[in-house]
Amino acid sequence: MIPPKSRLCVASTKEQLNKIEARLAALEHDDLSVPKPSASNLQSYWKKNRRKIWGILVLLLIPTLAIVTPVYREHVKSDFEHSVDDRVNPKLGEVTKQLNEFNTKLTKIDSTLSALQPYIEDLVRRQMDKVASLPLNDFRATLPSIKHLIAVAKEQGVKVNPDLLRRMSDKLLQIKPRDKEFWPFTGELVSYRSFNQSRGGTQQLLTSSLPRCTDAPPTPAKVTSVLSSTTATLSVAMYENCQITLDSSQDDERINATLTNFFPFLTFRHCVISYFGGPVNLILDWKDPSQTTFHLEGHPPMRTKISGNTLQFEECLFSFSIQGVPPTTGQQVTETLLAQNGPRPQLPHP
């Protein structure tokens, strides 16, 4: 039993309800109207709460701007695009019209050239025959015009009787002394003659994207047949379907390393051989005979004595572009190629 002094005084439910009713009655008699704020009160309220008010305004403006800004941008963008379209479309229409007219004219020109092709070829061949029959002095005096004739023949894909080019080459080799006009013409003739001797597939080499030969090793030399215990037939190491530049220091260095350390003879087949009038630092032949290292596929390296030309070209296109007088090595290569008329030229001429 709890002692009287420690008992808790808890109000009954009826007493609590009486208190609540008394408070409600008091509220009914209170004046709940809001007094009109005076200017001084507003000013005082603004000073005390302006940061809060601005914060509320910013919070209200942010979503509004988020909605309005894209709409405004889209409106401006649309107006700009319409303005640009109105200015550009007429110009584009005019350009398109001009291009169509130009294309029509090109088509007509192409048709005309196709119709004239037989006459162009006949004219080139007639002029070539006249040039090959000129006396040496007249031939020499008209070298610039003959060079232009050969360039036209090459551009138009006109092939002539190889005998005409042989006669022109022989006549050109008789010219001495050789001035600055001689070497550009010789390079043009060497290039055209290789084109004239080429077949359909070889002619496409100049328009193909060929890799550089010296970026990879050649196909190695092999024993193709054994004739006796001391005699065998060998293939020559070969580069195919690639390009080299005779006056490239990088190509010269790599080819010389291959000739000295691996394969003393190299054949280039179906390649583009370029020359731009610089020095040619290639090992062009083995003299005396020379002692060198020789590799055969499947056999250990051997040292042997060899002699003869180091490089041979089969079904290759020569692309010579010479300006002025090349150095002695370039003159030797160009003149050597000019003097050879066979299908497998070598450097230098044996």
C-alpha atoms as a PDB file:
ATOM      1  CA  MET A   1       0.000   0.000   0.000  1.00  0.00           C
ATOM      2  CA  ILE A   2       1.376   3.340  -1.103  1.00  0.00           C
ATOM      3  CA  PRO A   3       1.864   5.879   1.651  1.00  0.00           C
ATOM      4  CA  PRO A   4      -0.442   8.964   1.436  1.00  0.00           C
ATOM      5  CA  LYS A   5       2.460  11.454   0.839  1.00  0.00           C
ATOM      6  CA  SER A   6       3.775   9.592  -2.220  1.00  0.00           C
ATOM      7  CA  ARG A   7       0.412   9.237  -4.030  1.00  0.00           C
ATOM      8  CA  LEU A   8       0.277  10.751  -7.588  1.00  0.00           C
ATOM      9  CA  CYS A   9      -2.445  13.351  -8.189  1.00  0.00           C
ATOM     10  CA  VAL A  10      -3.919  12.356 -11.592  1.00  0.00           C
ATOM     11  CA  ALA A  11      -6.775  14.462 -12.982  1.00  0.00           C
ATOM     12  CA  SER A  12      -9.882  12.536 -13.891  1.00  0.00           C
ATOM     13  CA  THR A  13     -11.195  12.409 -17.454  1.00  0.00           C
ATOM     14  CA  LYS A  14     -14.086  14.665 -16.546  1.00  0.00           C
ATOM     15  CA  GLU A  15     -11.768  17.320 -15.149  1.00  0.00           C
ATOM     16  CA  GLN A  16      -9.678  17.292 -18.410  1.00  0.00           C
ATOM     17  CA  LEU A  17     -12.767  17.777 -20.578  1.00  0.00           C
ATOM     18  CA  ASN A  18     -13.895  20.702 -18.410  1.00  0.00           C
ATOM     19  CA  LYS A  19     -10.540  22.440 -18.955  1.00  0.00           C
ATOM     20  CA  ILE A  20     -10.710  22.011 -22.765  1.00  0.00           C
ATOM     21  CA  GLU A  21     -14.257  23.426 -22.892  1.00  0.00           C
ATOM     22  CA  ALA A  22     -13.151  26.435 -20.873  1.00  0.00           C
ATOM     23  CA  ARG A  23     -10.307  27.201 -23.355  1.00  0.00           C
ATOM     24  CA  LEU A  24     -12.607  26.937 -26.390  1.00  0.00           C
ATOM     25  CA  ALA A  25     -15.063  29.330 -24.765  1.00  0.00           C
ATOM     26  CA  ALA A  26     -12.274  31.819 -24.181  1.00  0.00           C
ATOM     27  CA  LEU A  27     -11.158  31.617 -27.856  1.00  0.00           C
ATOM     28  CA  GLU A  28     -14.650  32.398 -29.040  1.00  0.00           C
ATOM     29  CA  HIS A  29     -14.543  35.770 -27.265  1.00  0.00           C
ATOM     30  CA  ASP A  30     -11.012  36.667 -28.607  1.00  0.00           C
ATOM     31  CA  ASP A  31     -10.608  39.108 -31.610  1.00  0.00           C
ATOM     32  CA  LEU A  32      -9.052  36.942 -34.391  1.00  0.00           C
ATOM     33  CA  SER A  33      -8.917  39.708 -37.029  1.00  0.00           C
ATOM     34  CA  VAL A  34      -5.478  40.679 -38.391  1.00  0.00           C
ATOM     35  CA  PRO A  35      -4.682  44.359 -37.976  1.00  0.00           C
ATOM     36  CA  LYS A  36      -3.648  46.255 -41.083  1.00  0.00           C
ATOM     37  CA  PRO A  37       0.134  46.587 -41.132  1.00  0.00           C
ATOM     38  CA  SER A  38       1.529  50.086 -40.975  1.00  0.00           C
ATOM     39  CA  ALA A  39       4.432  51.324 -43.157  1.00  0.00           C
ATOM     40  CA  SER A  40       6.762  51.314 -40.195  1.00  0.00           C
ATOM     41  CA  ASN A  41       5.793  47.767 -39.335  1.00  0.00           C
ATOM     42  CA  LEU A  42       6.397  46.623 -42.932  1.00  0.00           C
ATOM     43  CA  GLN A  43       9.761  48.338 -43.039  1.00  0.00           C
ATOM     44  CA  SER A  44      10.746  46.778 -39.753  1.00  0.00           C
ATOM     45  CA  TYR A  45       9.532  43.385 -40.889  1.00  0.00           C
ATOM     46  CA  TRP A  46      11.468  43.732 -44.183  1.00  0.00           C
ATOM     47  CA  LYS A  47      14.716  44.552 -42.409  1.00  0.00           C
ATOM     48  CA  LYS A  48      14.353  41.605 -40.088  1.00  0.00           C
ATOM     49  CA  ASN A  49      13.265  39.060 -42.670  1.00  0.00           C
ATOM     50  CA  ARG A  50      14.572  40.232 -46.053  1.00  0.00           C
ATOM     51  CA  ARG A  51      17.106  37.391 -46.329  1.00  0.00           C
ATOM     52  CA  LYS A  52      14.371  34.849 -45.760  1.00  0.00           C
ATOM     53  CA  ILE A  53      12.081  36.620 -48.251  1.00  0.00           C
ATOM     54  CA  TRP A  54      14.809  36.679 -50.935  1.00  0.00           C
ATOM     55  CA  GLY A  55      15.539  33.031 -50.288  1.00  0.00           C
ATOM     56  CA  ILE A  56      11.877  32.172 -50.777  1.00  0.00           C
ATOM     57  CA  LEU A  57      11.742  34.250 -53.980  1.00  0.00           C
ATOM     58  CA  VAL A  58      14.872  32.525 -55.374  1.00  0.00           C
ATOM     59  CA  LEU A  59      13.439  29.127 -54.565  1.00  0.00           C
ATOM     60  CA  LEU A  60      10.266  30.110 -56.408  1.00  0.00           C
ATOM     61  CA  LEU A  61      12.173  31.526 -59.420  1.00  0.00           C
ATOM     62  CA  ILE A  62      14.521  28.563 -60.004  1.00  0.00           C
ATOM     63  CA  PRO A  63      11.852  26.079 -61.146  1.00  0.00           C
ATOM     64  CA  THR A  64      10.179  28.849 -63.137  1.00  0.00           C
ATOM     65  CA  LEU A  65      13.411  29.596 -65.001  1.00  0.00           C
ATOM     66  CA  ALA A  66      14.034  25.894 -65.496  1.00  0.00           C
ATOM     67  CA  ILE A  67      10.734  25.697 -67.338  1.00  0.00           C
ATOM     68  CA  VAL A  68      10.895  28.998 -69.217  1.00  0.00           C
ATOM     69  CA  THR A  69      14.574  28.956 -70.335  1.00  0.00           C
ATOM     70  CA  PRO A  70      14.432  25.841 -72.604  1.00  0.00           C
ATOM     71  CA  VAL A  71      11.232  27.112 -74.149  1.00  0.00           C
ATOM     72  CA  TYR A  72      12.851  30.484 -74.823  1.00  0.00           C
ATOM     73  CA  ARG A  73      16.004  28.858 -76.192  1.00  0.00           C
ATOM     74  CA  GLU A  74      14.007  26.595 -78.466  1.00  0.00           C
ATOM     75  CA  HIS A  75      12.093  29.618 -79.696  1.00  0.00           C
ATOM     76  CA  VAL A  76      15.306  31.562 -80.400  1.00  0.00           C
ATOM     77  CA  LYS A  77      16.911  28.506 -82.016  1.00  0.00           C
ATOM     78  CA  SER A  78      13.888  27.965 -84.209  1.00  0.00           C
ATOM     79  CA  ASP A  79      13.888  31.614 -85.297  1.00  0.00           C
ATOM     80  CA  PHE A  80      17.641  31.464 -86.014  1.00  0.00           C
ATOM     81  CA  GLU A  81      17.341  28.240 -88.010  1.00  0.00           C
ATOM     82  CA  HIS A  82      14.477  29.622 -90.041  1.00  0.00           C
ATOM     83  CA  SER A  83      16.496  32.781 -90.690  1.00  0.00           C
ATOM     84  CA  VAL A  84      19.569  30.758 -91.776  1.00  0.00           C
ATOM     85  CA  ASP A  85      17.453  28.437 -93.911  1.00  0.00           C
ATOM     86  CA  ASP A  86      15.828  31.410 -95.622  1.00  0.00           C
ATOM     87  CA  ARG A  87      19.267  32.794 -96.498  1.00  0.00           C
ATOM     88  CA  VAL A  88      21.120  29.542 -97.273  1.00  0.00           C
ATOM     89  CA  ASN A  89      18.514  27.504 -99.132  1.00  0.00           C
ATOM     90  CA  PRO A  90      18.424  29.799-102.193  1.00  0.00           C
ATOM     91  CA  LYS A  91      22.244  29.730-102.325  1.00  0.00           C
ATOM     92  CA  LEU A  92      22.314  25.947-102.021  1.00  0.00           C
ATOM     93  CA  GLY A  93      19.752  25.664-104.758  1.00  0.00           C
ATOM     94  CA  GLU A  94      21.853  27.895-106.996  1.00  0.00           C
ATOM     95  CA  VAL A  95      25.051  25.922-106.249  1.00  0.00           C
ATOM     96  CA  THR A  96      23.255  22.618-106.852  1.00  0.00           C
ATOM     97  CA  LYS A  97      22.011  23.900-110.167  1.00  0.00           C
ATOM     98  CA  GLN A  98      25.517  24.986-111.190  1.00  0.00           C
ATOM     99  CA  LEU A  99      26.977  21.615-110.143  1.00  0.00           C
ATOM    100  CA  ASN A 100      24.361  19.776-112.182  1.00  0.00           C
ATOM    101  CA  GLU A 101      25.134  21.935-115.205  1.00  0.00           C
ATOM    102  CA  PHE A 102      28.866  21.361-114.686  1.00  0.00           C
ATOM    103  CA  ASN A 103      28.336  17.613-114.397  1.00  0.00           C
ATOM    104  CA  THR A 104      26.340  17.649-117.621  1.00  0.00           C
ATOM    105  CA  LYS A 105      29.163  19.492-119.384  1.00  0.00           C
ATOM    106  CA  LEU A 106      31.747  17.032-118.021  1.00  0.00           C
ATOM    107  CA  THR A 107      29.652  14.142-119.271  1.00  0.00           C
ATOM    108  CA  LYS A 108      29.546  15.718-122.723  1.00  0.00           C
ATOM    109  CA  ILE A 109      33.312  16.363-122.661  1.00  0.00           C
ATOM    110  CA  ASP A 110      33.974  12.772-121.561  1.00  0.00           C
ATOM    111  CA  SER A 111      31.790  11.500-124.379  1.00  0.00           C
ATOM    112  CA  THR A 112      33.625  13.752-126.806  1.00  0.00           C
ATOM    113  CA  LEU A 113      37.031  12.558-125.599  1.00  0.00           C
ATOM    114  CA  SER A 114      35.931   8.948-125.831  1.00  0.00           C
ATOM    115  CA  ALA A 115      34.841   9.579-129.398  1.00  0.00           C
ATOM    116  CA  LEU A 116      38.148  11.331-130.138  1.00  0.00           C
ATOM    117  CA  GLN A 117      40.342   8.678-128.466  1.00  0.00           C
ATOM    118  CA  PRO A 118      41.042   6.712-131.679  1.00  0.00           C
ATOM    119  CA  TYR A 119      42.077   9.927-133.430  1.00  0.00           C
ATOM    120  CA  ILE A 120      44.299  10.941-130.473  1.00  0.00           C
ATOM    121  CA  GLU A 121      46.013   7.553-130.531  1.00  0.00           C
ATOM    122  CA  ASP A 122      46.526   7.714-134.283  1.00  0.00           C
ATOM    123  CA  LEU A 123      47.942  11.253-134.021  1.00  0.00           C
ATOM    124  CA  VAL A 124      50.360  10.252-131.225  1.00  0.00           C
ATOM    125  CA  ARG A 125      51.624   7.241-133.159  1.00  0.00           C
ATOM    126  CA  ARG A 126      52.155   9.340-136.321  1.00  0.00           C
ATOM    127  CA  GLN A 127      54.071  11.971-134.366  1.00  0.00           C
ATOM    128  CA  MET A 128      56.184   9.305-132.650  1.00  0.00           C
ATOM    129  CA  ASP A 129      57.123   7.884-136.028  1.00  0.00           C
ATOM    130  CA  LYS A 130      58.127  11.346-137.262  1.00  0.00           C
ATOM    131  CA  VAL A 131      60.196  11.989-134.145  1.00  0.00           C
ATOM    132  CA  ALA A 132      62.030   8.662-134.397  1.00  0.00           C
ATOM    133  CA  SER A 133      62.918   9.509-138.029  1.00  0.00           C
ATOM    134  CA  LEU A 134      64.331  12.977-137.320  1.00  0.00           C
ATOM    135  CA  PRO A 135      68.025  13.673-137.948  1.00  0.00           C
ATOM    136  CA  LEU A 136      70.047  13.780-134.720  1.00  0.00           C
ATOM    137  CA  ASN A 137      70.407  17.598-134.682  1.00  0.00           C
ATOM    138  CA  ASP A 138      66.685  18.150-135.242  1.00  0.00           C
ATOM    139  CA  PHE A 139      65.882  15.504-132.663  1.00  0.00           C
ATOM    140  CA  ARG A 140      68.073  17.258-130.124  1.00  0.00           C
ATOM    141  CA  ALA A 141      66.608  20.681-130.898  1.00  0.00           C
ATOM    142  CA  THR A 142      63.041  19.508-130.296  1.00  0.00           C
ATOM    143  CA  LEU A 143      63.560  17.594-127.033  1.00  0.00           C
ATOM    144  CA  PRO A 144      61.065  19.749-125.021  1.00  0.00           C
ATOM    145  CA  SER A 145      58.325  19.144-127.615  1.00  0.00           C
ATOM    146  CA  ILE A 146      59.119  15.410-127.763  1.00  0.00           C
ATOM    147  CA  LYS A 147      58.978  15.246-123.958  1.00  0.00           C
ATOM    148  CA  HIS A 148      55.502  16.780-124.088  1.00  0.00           C
ATOM    149  CA  LEU A 149      54.425  14.282-126.752  1.00  0.00           C
ATOM    150  CA  ILE A 150      55.560  11.357-124.582  1.00  0.00           C
ATOM    151  CA  ALA A 151      53.758  12.792-121.552  1.00  0.00           C
ATOM    152  CA  VAL A 152      50.515  13.025-123.573  1.00  0.00           C
ATOM    153  CA  ALA A 153      50.950   9.453-124.805  1.00  0.00           C
ATOM    154  CA  LYS A 154      51.389   8.205-121.231  1.00  0.00           C
ATOM    155  CA  GLU A 155      48.459  10.216-119.844  1.00  0.00           C
ATOM    156  CA  GLN A 156      46.152   9.017-122.604  1.00  0.00           C
ATOM    157  CA  GLY A 157      47.335   5.418-122.253  1.00  0.00           C
ATOM    158  CA  VAL A 158      48.512   5.263-125.848  1.00  0.00           C
ATOM    159  CA  LYS A 159      50.847   2.382-126.673  1.00  0.00           C
ATOM    160  CA  VAL A 160      53.105   2.441-129.709  1.00  0.00           C
ATOM    161  CA  ASN A 161      55.348   0.045-131.573  1.00  0.00           C
ATOM    162  CA  PRO A 162      58.302  -0.708-129.232  1.00  0.00           C
ATOM    163  CA  ASP A 163      60.633  -0.274-132.211  1.00  0.00           C
ATOM    164  CA  LEU A 164      59.803   3.457-132.257  1.00  0.00           C
ATOM    165  CA  LEU A 165      60.935   3.818-128.660  1.00  0.00           C
ATOM    166  CA  ARG A 166      64.077   1.786-129.302  1.00  0.00           C
ATOM    167  CA  ARG A 167      65.013   4.125-132.181  1.00  0.00           C
ATOM    168  CA  MET A 168      64.325   7.161-130.010  1.00  0.00           C
ATOM    169  CA  SER A 169      66.429   5.703-127.172  1.00  0.00           C
ATOM    170  CA  ASP A 170      69.352   4.963-129.499  1.00  0.00           C
ATOM    171  CA  LYS A 171      69.188   8.491-130.880  1.00  0.00           C
ATOM    172  CA  LEU A 172      69.013   9.998-127.415  1.00  0.00           C
ATOM    173  CA  LEU A 173      72.121   8.092-126.282  1.00  0.00           C
ATOM    174  CA  GLN A 174      74.068   9.661-129.145  1.00  0.00           C
ATOM    175  CA  ILE A 175      73.513  13.191-127.859  1.00  0.00           C
ATOM    176  CA  LYS A 176      76.663  14.678-126.324  1.00  0.00           C
ATOM    177  CA  PRO A 177      77.261  16.831-124.385  1.00  0.00           C
ATOM    178  CA  ARG A 178      74.138  16.321-122.325  1.00  0.00           C
ATOM    179  CA  ASP A 179      72.547  19.505-121.029  1.00  0.00           C
ATOM    180  CA  LYS A 180      69.810  20.068-118.471  1.00  0.00           C
ATOM    181  CA  GLU A 181      67.080  19.202-121.021  1.00  0.00           C
ATOM    182  CA  PHE A 182      68.550  15.765-121.699  1.00  0.00           C
ATOM    183  CA  TRP A 183      67.978  14.126-118.288  1.00  0.00           C
ATOM    184  CA  PRO A 184      64.318  15.089-117.701  1.00  0.00           C
ATOM    185  CA  PHE A 185      63.533  13.819-121.206  1.00  0.00           C
ATOM    186  CA  THR A 186      65.475  10.596-120.575  1.00  0.00           C
ATOM    187  CA  GLY A 187      63.551   9.971-117.343  1.00  0.00           C
ATOM    188  CA  GLU A 188      60.251  10.552-119.173  1.00  0.00           C
ATOM    189  CA  LEU A 189      61.243   8.130-121.916  1.00  0.00           C
ATOM    190  CA  VAL A 190      62.346   5.445-119.413  1.00  0.00           C
ATOM    191  CA  SER A 191      58.996   5.746-117.608  1.00  0.00           C
ATOM    192  CA  TYR A 192      56.928   5.647-120.795  1.00  0.00           C
ATOM    193  CA  ARG A 193      58.828   2.700-122.210  1.00  0.00           C
ATOM    194  CA  SER A 194      58.166   0.601-119.088  1.00  0.00           C
ATOM    195  CA  PHE A 195      54.471   1.522-119.395  1.00  0.00           C
ATOM    196  CA  ASN A 196      54.497   0.649-123.099  1.00  0.00           C
ATOM    197  CA  GLN A 197      55.919  -2.803-122.315  1.00  0.00           C
ATOM    198  CA  SER A 198      53.584  -3.473-119.381  1.00  0.00           C
ATOM    199  CA  ARG A 199      50.481  -5.600-119.332  1.00  0.00           C
ATOM    200  CA  GLY A 200      47.047  -4.674-118.042  1.00  0.00           C
ATOM    201  CA  GLY A 201      47.703  -5.722-114.436  1.00  0.00           C
ATOM    202  CA  THR A 202      51.056  -3.968-114.311  1.00  0.00           C
ATOM    203  CA  GLN A 203      49.560  -0.688-115.517  1.00  0.00           C
ATOM    204  CA  GLN A 204      47.358  -0.548-112.435  1.00  0.00           C
ATOM    205  CA  LEU A 205      50.376  -0.424-110.129  1.00  0.00           C
ATOM    206  CA  LEU A 206      50.646   3.360-110.380  1.00  0.00           C
ATOM    207  CA  THR A 207      47.101   3.771-109.049  1.00  0.00           C
ATOM    208  CA  SER A 208      47.494   1.184-106.284  1.00  0.00           C
ATOM    209  CA  SER A 209      48.532   1.805-102.693  1.00  0.00           C
ATOM    210  CA  LEU A 210      51.641  -0.353-102.570  1.00  0.00           C
ATOM    211  CA  PRO A 211      53.682  -0.994 -99.404  1.00  0.00           C
ATOM    212  CA  ARG A 212      57.364  -0.106 -99.253  1.00  0.00           C
ATOM    213  CA  CYS A 213      59.438  -3.146-100.243  1.00  0.00           C
ATOM    214  CA  THR A 214      62.080  -2.625 -97.598  1.00  0.00           C
ATOM    215  CA  ASP A 215      59.574  -2.620 -94.727  1.00  0.00           C
ATOM    216  CA  ALA A 216      59.688  -6.442 -94.844  1.00  0.00           C
ATOM    217  CA  PRO A 217      62.301  -9.058 -95.854  1.00  0.00           C
ATOM    218  CA  PRO A 218      62.102 -10.535 -99.364  1.00  0.00           C
ATOM    219  CA  THR A 219      60.919 -14.035-100.143  1.00  0.00           C
ATOM    220  CA  PRO A 220      64.083 -16.074 -99.427  1.00  0.00           C
ATOM    221  CA  ALA A 221      66.143 -17.938-102.004  1.00  0.00           C
ATOM    222  CA  LYS A 222      65.433 -21.655-102.268  1.00  0.00           C
ATOM    223  CA  VAL A 223      66.886 -24.798-103.826  1.00  0.00           C
ATOM    224  CA  THR A 224      64.471 -25.510-106.673  1.00  0.00           C
ATOM    225  CA  SER A 225      66.134 -28.665-107.983  1.00  0.00           C
ATOM    226  CA  VAL A 226      69.231 -30.813-107.282  1.00  0.00           C
ATOM    227  CA  LEU A 227      71.087 -31.753-110.450  1.00  0.00           C
ATOM    228  CA  SER A 228      73.947 -33.666-108.818  1.00  0.00           C
ATOM    229  CA  SER A 229      75.843 -33.971-105.556  1.00  0.00           C
ATOM    230  CA  THR A 230      77.640 -30.701-106.355  1.00  0.00           C
ATOM    231  CA  THR A 231      75.125 -28.874-108.563  1.00  0.00           C
ATOM    232  CA  ALA A 232      71.705 -27.401-107.784  1.00  0.00           C
ATOM    233  CA  THR A 233      69.307 -24.864-109.216  1.00  0.00           C
ATOM    234  CA  LEU A 234      68.464 -21.947-106.948  1.00  0.00           C
ATOM    235  CA  SER A 235      65.704 -19.345-106.959  1.00  0.00           C
ATOM    236  CA  VAL A 236      66.573 -15.719-106.292  1.00  0.00           C
ATOM    237  CA  ALA A 237      65.253 -13.809-103.272  1.00  0.00           C
ATOM    238  CA  MET A 238      62.341 -11.704-104.434  1.00  0.00           C
ATOM    239  CA  TYR A 239      60.232  -8.672-103.665  1.00  0.00           C
ATOM    240  CA  GLU A 240      56.744  -8.577-105.188  1.00  0.00           C
ATOM    241  CA  ASN A 241      53.890  -6.050-105.381  1.00  0.00           C
ATOM    242  CA  CYS A 242      55.652  -3.234-103.557  1.00  0.00           C
ATOM    243  CA  GLN A 243      57.580  -0.043-104.295  1.00  0.00           C
ATOM    244  CA  ILE A 244      61.102   1.271-103.825  1.00  0.00           C
ATOM    245  CA  THR A 245      62.786   4.603-104.452  1.00  0.00           C
ATOM    246  CA  LEU A 246      66.256   4.330-105.937  1.00  0.00           C
ATOM    247  CA  ASP A 247      67.466   7.599-104.402  1.00  0.00           C
ATOM    248  CA  SER A 248      65.994   6.931-100.951  1.00  0.00           C
ATOM    249  CA  SER A 249      68.758   6.598 -98.355  1.00  0.00           C
ATOM    250  CA  GLN A 250      66.554   4.325 -96.237  1.00  0.00           C
ATOM    251  CA  ASP A 251      65.733   1.981 -99.133  1.00  0.00           C
ATOM    252  CA  ASP A 252      69.362   1.928-100.279  1.00  0.00           C
ATOM    253  CA  GLU A 253      70.659   1.092 -96.795  1.00  0.00           C
ATOM    254  CA  ARG A 254      68.209  -1.767 -96.253  1.00  0.00           C
ATOM    255  CA  ILE A 255      68.692  -3.265 -99.710  1.00  0.00           C
ATOM    256  CA  ASN A 256      72.482  -3.134 -99.337  1.00  0.00           C
ATOM    257  CA  ALA A 257      72.235  -4.868 -95.930  1.00  0.00           C
ATOM    258  CA  THR A 258      70.137  -7.630 -97.507  1.00  0.00           C
ATOM    259  CA  LEU A 259      72.591  -8.041-100.391  1.00  0.00           C
ATOM    260  CA  THR A 260      75.611  -8.170 -98.082  1.00  0.00           C
ATOM    261  CA  ASN A 261      74.290 -10.327 -95.243  1.00  0.00           C
ATOM    262  CA  PHE A 262      71.536 -12.527 -96.642  1.00  0.00           C
ATOM    263  CA  PHE A 263      70.908 -12.710-100.378  1.00  0.00           C
ATOM    264  CA  PRO A 264      73.509 -11.429-102.884  1.00  0.00           C
ATOM    265  CA  PHE A 265      70.902 -11.147-105.661  1.00  0.00           C
ATOM    266  CA  LEU A 266      67.424  -9.636-105.583  1.00  0.00           C
ATOM    267  CA  THR A 267      64.595  -9.664-108.095  1.00  0.00           C
ATOM    268  CA  PHE A 268      61.782  -7.126-108.033  1.00  0.00           C
ATOM    269  CA  ARG A 269      58.619  -8.422-109.672  1.00  0.00           C
ATOM    270  CA  HIS A 270      55.472  -6.434-110.295  1.00  0.00           C
ATOM    271  CA  CYS A 271      56.847  -3.398-108.438  1.00  0.00           C
ATOM    272  CA  VAL A 272      56.989   0.362-108.913  1.00  0.00           C
ATOM    273  CA  ILE A 273      60.566   1.676-109.130  1.00  0.00           C
ATOM    274  CA  SER A 274      60.744   5.436-108.502  1.00  0.00           C
ATOM    275  CA  TYR A 275      63.582   7.890-108.983  1.00  0.00           C
ATOM    276  CA  PHE A 276      63.551  11.640-108.301  1.00  0.00           C
ATOM    277  CA  GLY A 277      66.995  12.744-109.463  1.00  0.00           C
ATOM    278  CA  GLY A 278      69.087  12.217-106.317  1.00  0.00           C
ATOM    279  CA  PRO A 279      72.158  10.057-105.622  1.00  0.00           C
ATOM    280  CA  VAL A 280      71.756   6.273-105.886  1.00  0.00           C
ATOM    281  CA  ASN A 281      73.854   4.477-103.241  1.00  0.00           C
ATOM    282  CA  LEU A 282      72.970   0.875-104.070  1.00  0.00           C
ATOM    283  CA  ILE A 283      75.342  -2.061-104.546  1.00  0.00           C
ATOM    284  CA  LEU A 284      74.647  -2.593-108.243  1.00  0.00           C
ATOM    285  CA  ASP A 285      77.066  -5.431-108.990  1.00  0.00           C
ATOM    286  CA  TRP A 286      79.565  -7.866-107.472  1.00  0.00           C
ATOM    287  CA  LYS A 287      82.953  -7.462-109.071  1.00  0.00           C
ATOM    288  CA  ASP A 288      86.004  -9.731-109.414  1.00  0.00           C
ATOM    289  CA  PRO A 289      84.232 -12.090-107.797  1.00  0.00           C
ATOM    290  CA  SER A 290      83.440 -10.956-104.271  1.00  0.00           C
ATOM    291  CA  GLN A 291      83.183 -12.935-101.050  1.00  0.00           C
ATOM    292  CA  THR A 292      79.793 -12.608 -99.372  1.00  0.00           C
ATOM    293  CA  THR A 293      77.296 -14.424 -97.116  1.00  0.00           C
ATOM    294  CA  PHE A 294      74.594 -16.451 -98.814  1.00  0.00           C
ATOM    295  CA  HIS A 295      71.434 -17.782 -97.154  1.00  0.00           C
ATOM    296  CA  LEU A 296      69.244 -20.586 -98.446  1.00  0.00           C
ATOM    297  CA  GLU A 297      65.953 -21.496 -96.845  1.00  0.00           C
ATOM    298  CA  GLY A 298      66.446 -24.609 -94.713  1.00  0.00           C
ATOM    299  CA  HIS A 299      70.262 -24.400 -94.848  1.00  0.00           C
ATOM    300  CA  PRO A 300      72.879 -22.710 -92.634  1.00  0.00           C
ATOM    301  CA  PRO A 301      74.483 -19.480 -93.939  1.00  0.00           C
ATOM    302  CA  MET A 302      77.450 -19.999 -96.221  1.00  0.00           C
ATOM    303  CA  ARG A 303      80.311 -17.836 -97.464  1.00  0.00           C
ATOM    304  CA  THR A 304      80.839 -17.990-101.183  1.00  0.00           C
ATOM    305  CA  LYS A 305      82.347 -16.053-104.077  1.00  0.00           C
ATOM    306  CA  ILE A 306      79.890 -14.452-106.464  1.00  0.00           C
ATOM    307  CA  SER A 307      79.887 -11.970-109.349  1.00  0.00           C
ATOM    308  CA  GLY A 308      77.352 -10.222-111.555  1.00  0.00           C
ATOM    309  CA  ASN A 309      74.480  -7.787-111.272  1.00  0.00           C
ATOM    310  CA  THR A 310      72.728  -7.589-107.940  1.00  0.00           C
ATOM    311  CA  LEU A 311      69.279  -6.324-108.991  1.00  0.00           C
ATOM    312  CA  GLN A 312      66.854  -7.490-111.635  1.00  0.00           C
ATOM    313  CA  PHE A 313      63.367  -6.217-112.484  1.00  0.00           C
ATOM    314  CA  GLU A 314      60.479  -8.222-113.907  1.00  0.00           C
ATOM    315  CA  GLU A 315      57.180  -6.680-115.013  1.00  0.00           C
ATOM    316  CA  CYS A 316      57.969  -3.482-113.125  1.00  0.00           C
ATOM    317  CA  LEU A 317      56.912   0.085-113.795  1.00  0.00           C
ATOM    318  CA  PHE A 318      59.607   2.761-113.685  1.00  0.00           C
ATOM    319  CA  SER A 319      58.474   6.176-112.545  1.00  0.00           C
ATOM    320  CA  PHE A 320      61.288   8.668-113.143  1.00  0.00           C
ATOM    321  CA  SER A 321      60.809  12.367-112.389  1.00  0.00           C
ATOM    322  CA  ILE A 322      64.071  14.235-112.952  1.00  0.00           C
ATOM    323  CA  GLN A 323      64.558  17.984-112.763  1.00  0.00           C
ATOM    324  CA  GLY A 324      67.881  19.327-114.019  1.00  0.00           C
ATOM    325  CA  VAL A 325      71.056  17.253-114.004  1.00  0.00           C
ATOM    326  CA  PRO A 326      71.209  14.306-111.548  1.00  0.00           C
ATOM    327  CA  PRO A 327      74.465  13.248-109.800  1.00  0.00           C
ATOM    328  CA  THR A 328      76.786  10.746-111.483  1.00  0.00           C
ATOM    329  CA  THR A 329      75.159   7.687-109.909  1.00  0.00           C
ATOM    330  CA  GLY A 330      71.726   8.861-111.055  1.00  0.00           C
ATOM    331  CA  GLN A 331      73.020   9.494-114.570  1.00  0.00           C
ATOM    332  CA  GLN A 332      74.511   5.990-114.685  1.00  0.00           C
ATOM    333  CA  VAL A 333      71.238   4.335-113.610  1.00  0.00           C
ATOM    334  CA  THR A 334      69.095   6.376-116.005  1.00  0.00           C
ATOM    335  CA  GLU A 335      71.396   5.850-118.977  1.00  0.00           C
ATOM    336  CA  THR A 336      71.724   2.115-118.200  1.00  0.00           C
ATOM    337  CA  LEU A 337      67.958   1.650-118.191  1.00  0.00           C
ATOM    338  CA  LEU A 338      67.615   3.665-121.392  1.00  0.00           C
ATOM    339  CA  ALA A 339      70.131   1.432-123.150  1.00  0.00           C
ATOM    340  CA  GLN A 340      68.289  -1.795-122.282  1.00  0.00           C
ATOM    341  CA  ASN A 341      65.355  -2.922-124.359  1.00  0.00           C
ATOM    342  CA  GLY A 342      64.653  -6.362-122.891  1.00  0.00           C
ATOM    343  CA  PRO A 343      61.795  -7.262-120.518  1.00  0.00           C
ATOM    344  CA  ARG A 344      64.179  -7.768-117.579  1.00  0.00           C
ATOM    345  CA  PRO A 345      66.368  -4.700-117.119  1.00  0.00           C
ATOM    346  CA  GLN A 346      69.325  -4.807-114.735  1.00  0.00           C
ATOM    347  CA  LEU A 347      71.447  -2.211-112.975  1.00  0.00           C
ATOM    348  CA  PRO A 348      73.993  -1.548-114.282  1.00  0.00           C
ATOM    349  CA  HIS A 349      73.945  -2.971-117.776  1.00  0.00           C
ATOM    350  CA  PRO A 350      76.212  -6.077-117.916  1.00  0.00           C
END
